[in-house]
Amino acid sequence: MDFPKLIDYSTRNYLFQTLNHCHEYRVNLYYYALNIGVFALFVLIVSAILYHCYKNKLTDYEREQRNLRDQDYILSKIRFYQVQSKANSEGKMTGITNLPFTES
């Protein structure tokens, strides 16, 4: 059974080509809009990170104070472990488990 054709071949081909061209134009437009949007977002994020790093940079005085605080912390830990090892050696405790020595 052959269905009737409501439009001739050349009109149908013209409409198909026009719709195909519109589709390609829309896809290209979305492609460029998406790429430009992603690039702008990337630039915005990178610039925000760089600005944040620039604004939160430590001054020389703050850097010196931080170094002194770190040195004090390290020296206090060294003193603590020296005192602890001295107490262990005087109390005849083992260094690993802090259990007393047994003489058998």
C-alpha atoms as a PDB file:
ATOM      1  CA  MET A   1       0.000   0.000   0.000  1.00  0.00           C
ATOM      2  CA  ASP A   2       1.430   3.290  -1.058  1.00  0.00           C
ATOM      3  CA  PHE A   3       0.754   6.320   1.170  1.00  0.00           C
ATOM      4  CA  PRO A   4      -0.002   9.625  -0.523  1.00  0.00           C
ATOM      5  CA  LYS A   5       2.689  12.283  -0.454  1.00  0.00           C
ATOM      6  CA  LEU A   6       1.437  15.647   0.700  1.00  0.00           C
ATOM      7  CA  ILE A   7       4.493  17.637  -0.440  1.00  0.00           C
ATOM      8  CA  ASP A   8       6.774  17.110  -3.377  1.00  0.00           C
ATOM      9  CA  TYR A   9      10.363  15.920  -3.097  1.00  0.00           C
ATOM     10  CA  SER A  10      12.110  19.284  -3.633  1.00  0.00           C
ATOM     11  CA  THR A  11      10.058  21.028  -0.915  1.00  0.00           C
ATOM     12  CA  ARG A  12      10.659  18.171   1.485  1.00  0.00           C
ATOM     13  CA  ASN A  13      14.399  18.243   0.745  1.00  0.00           C
ATOM     14  CA  TYR A  14      14.504  22.048   1.208  1.00  0.00           C
ATOM     15  CA  LEU A  15      12.737  21.823   4.592  1.00  0.00           C
ATOM     16  CA  PHE A  16      15.023  18.995   5.693  1.00  0.00           C
ATOM     17  CA  GLN A  17      18.146  20.951   4.735  1.00  0.00           C
ATOM     18  CA  THR A  18      16.854  24.091   6.466  1.00  0.00           C
ATOM     19  CA  LEU A  19      16.058  22.205   9.677  1.00  0.00           C
ATOM     20  CA  ASN A  20      19.424  20.432   9.514  1.00  0.00           C
ATOM     21  CA  HIS A  21      21.208  23.782   9.111  1.00  0.00           C
ATOM     22  CA  CYS A  22      19.267  25.246  12.074  1.00  0.00           C
ATOM     23  CA  HIS A  23      20.218  22.232  14.181  1.00  0.00           C
ATOM     24  CA  GLU A  24      23.924  22.567  13.310  1.00  0.00           C
ATOM     25  CA  TYR A  25      23.813  26.304  14.078  1.00  0.00           C
ATOM     26  CA  ARG A  26      22.167  25.676  17.470  1.00  0.00           C
ATOM     27  CA  VAL A  27      24.678  22.933  18.361  1.00  0.00           C
ATOM     28  CA  ASN A  28      27.610  25.214  17.450  1.00  0.00           C
ATOM     29  CA  LEU A  29      26.097  28.060  19.458  1.00  0.00           C
ATOM     30  CA  TYR A  30      25.670  25.826  22.530  1.00  0.00           C
ATOM     31  CA  TYR A  31      29.190  24.454  22.040  1.00  0.00           C
ATOM     32  CA  TYR A  32      30.784  27.906  22.010  1.00  0.00           C
ATOM     33  CA  ALA A  33      28.589  29.214  24.848  1.00  0.00           C
ATOM     34  CA  LEU A  34      29.489  26.224  27.034  1.00  0.00           C
ATOM     35  CA  ASN A  35      33.213  26.506  26.291  1.00  0.00           C
ATOM     36  CA  ILE A  36      33.274  30.251  26.953  1.00  0.00           C
ATOM     37  CA  GLY A  37      31.312  29.753  30.177  1.00  0.00           C
ATOM     38  CA  VAL A  38      33.657  27.025  31.435  1.00  0.00           C
ATOM     39  CA  PHE A  39      36.699  29.119  30.528  1.00  0.00           C
ATOM     40  CA  ALA A  40      35.279  32.174  32.324  1.00  0.00           C
ATOM     41  CA  LEU A  41      34.526  30.059  35.408  1.00  0.00           C
ATOM     42  CA  PHE A  42      38.067  28.636  35.343  1.00  0.00           C
ATOM     43  CA  VAL A  43      39.605  32.124  35.073  1.00  0.00           C
ATOM     44  CA  LEU A  44      37.372  33.371  37.894  1.00  0.00           C
ATOM     45  CA  ILE A  45      38.367  30.517  40.220  1.00  0.00           C
ATOM     46  CA  VAL A  46      42.094  30.849  39.459  1.00  0.00           C
ATOM     47  CA  SER A  47      42.021  34.613  39.945  1.00  0.00           C
ATOM     48  CA  ALA A  48      40.122  34.241  43.244  1.00  0.00           C
ATOM     49  CA  ILE A  49      42.707  31.733  44.513  1.00  0.00           C
ATOM     50  CA  LEU A  50      45.615  33.958  43.487  1.00  0.00           C
ATOM     51  CA  TYR A  51      43.995  37.029  45.080  1.00  0.00           C
ATOM     52  CA  HIS A  52      43.385  35.099  48.310  1.00  0.00           C
ATOM     53  CA  CYS A  53      47.008  33.923  48.405  1.00  0.00           C
ATOM     54  CA  TYR A  54      48.238  37.462  47.748  1.00  0.00           C
ATOM     55  CA  LYS A  55      46.119  39.023  50.497  1.00  0.00           C
ATOM     56  CA  ASN A  56      46.907  36.390  53.159  1.00  0.00           C
ATOM     57  CA  LYS A  57      50.686  36.480  52.778  1.00  0.00           C
ATOM     58  CA  LEU A  58      52.508  36.686  56.118  1.00  0.00           C
ATOM     59  CA  THR A  59      54.566  39.756  56.907  1.00  0.00           C
ATOM     60  CA  ASP A  60      58.195  39.407  57.955  1.00  0.00           C
ATOM     61  CA  TYR A  61      57.282  40.015  61.604  1.00  0.00           C
ATOM     62  CA  GLU A  62      54.527  37.369  61.565  1.00  0.00           C
ATOM     63  CA  ARG A  63      56.850  34.889  59.847  1.00  0.00           C
ATOM     64  CA  GLU A  64      59.530  35.514  62.494  1.00  0.00           C
ATOM     65  CA  GLN A  65      56.988  35.076  65.303  1.00  0.00           C
ATOM     66  CA  ARG A  66      55.771  31.809  63.785  1.00  0.00           C
ATOM     67  CA  ASN A  67      59.352  30.524  63.513  1.00  0.00           C
ATOM     68  CA  LEU A  68      60.028  31.433  67.154  1.00  0.00           C
ATOM     69  CA  ARG A  69      56.828  29.704  68.247  1.00  0.00           C
ATOM     70  CA  ASP A  70      57.795  26.578  66.268  1.00  0.00           C
ATOM     71  CA  GLN A  71      61.298  26.589  67.765  1.00  0.00           C
ATOM     72  CA  ASP A  72      59.876  26.926  71.290  1.00  0.00           C
ATOM     73  CA  TYR A  73      57.531  24.015  70.648  1.00  0.00           C
ATOM     74  CA  ILE A  74      60.344  21.799  69.359  1.00  0.00           C
ATOM     75  CA  LEU A  75      62.634  22.717  72.254  1.00  0.00           C
ATOM     76  CA  SER A  76      59.870  22.005  74.790  1.00  0.00           C
ATOM     77  CA  LYS A  77      59.343  18.556  73.257  1.00  0.00           C
ATOM     78  CA  ILE A  78      63.099  17.871  73.369  1.00  0.00           C
ATOM     79  CA  ARG A  79      63.220  18.919  77.048  1.00  0.00           C
ATOM     80  CA  PHE A  80      60.174  16.786  77.841  1.00  0.00           C
ATOM     81  CA  TYR A  81      61.696  13.668  76.277  1.00  0.00           C
ATOM     82  CA  GLN A  82      65.047  14.315  77.978  1.00  0.00           C
ATOM     83  CA  VAL A  83      63.332  14.588  81.361  1.00  0.00           C
ATOM     84  CA  GLN A  84      61.276  11.505  80.630  1.00  0.00           C
ATOM     85  CA  SER A  85      64.299   9.440  79.569  1.00  0.00           C
ATOM     86  CA  LYS A  86      66.208  10.642  82.652  1.00  0.00           C
ATOM     87  CA  ALA A  87      63.297   9.606  84.891  1.00  0.00           C
ATOM     88  CA  ASN A  88      63.133   6.234  83.174  1.00  0.00           C
ATOM     89  CA  SER A  89      66.855   5.627  83.622  1.00  0.00           C
ATOM     90  CA  GLU A  90      66.771   6.669  87.296  1.00  0.00           C
ATOM     91  CA  GLY A  91      63.659   4.634  87.997  1.00  0.00           C
ATOM     92  CA  LYS A  92      65.100   1.606  86.215  1.00  0.00           C
ATOM     93  CA  MET A  93      62.247   1.421  83.735  1.00  0.00           C
ATOM     94  CA  THR A  94      62.535   0.034  80.250  1.00  0.00           C
ATOM     95  CA  GLY A  95      62.481   2.589  77.465  1.00  0.00           C
ATOM     96  CA  ILE A  96      59.896   0.931  75.248  1.00  0.00           C
ATOM     97  CA  THR A  97      57.156  -0.287  77.584  1.00  0.00           C
ATOM     98  CA  ASN A  98      57.878   1.705  80.764  1.00  0.00           C
ATOM     99  CA  LEU A  99      57.756  -1.522  82.758  1.00  0.00           C
ATOM    100  CA  PRO A 100      60.173  -1.979  85.668  1.00  0.00           C
ATOM    101  CA  PHE A 101      63.178  -4.261  85.272  1.00  0.00           C
ATOM    102  CA  THR A 102      62.956  -7.582  87.045  1.00  0.00           C
ATOM    103  CA  GLU A 103      66.058  -9.151  88.404  1.00  0.00           C
ATOM    104  CA  SER A 104      65.918 -12.903  88.250  1.00  0.00           C
END
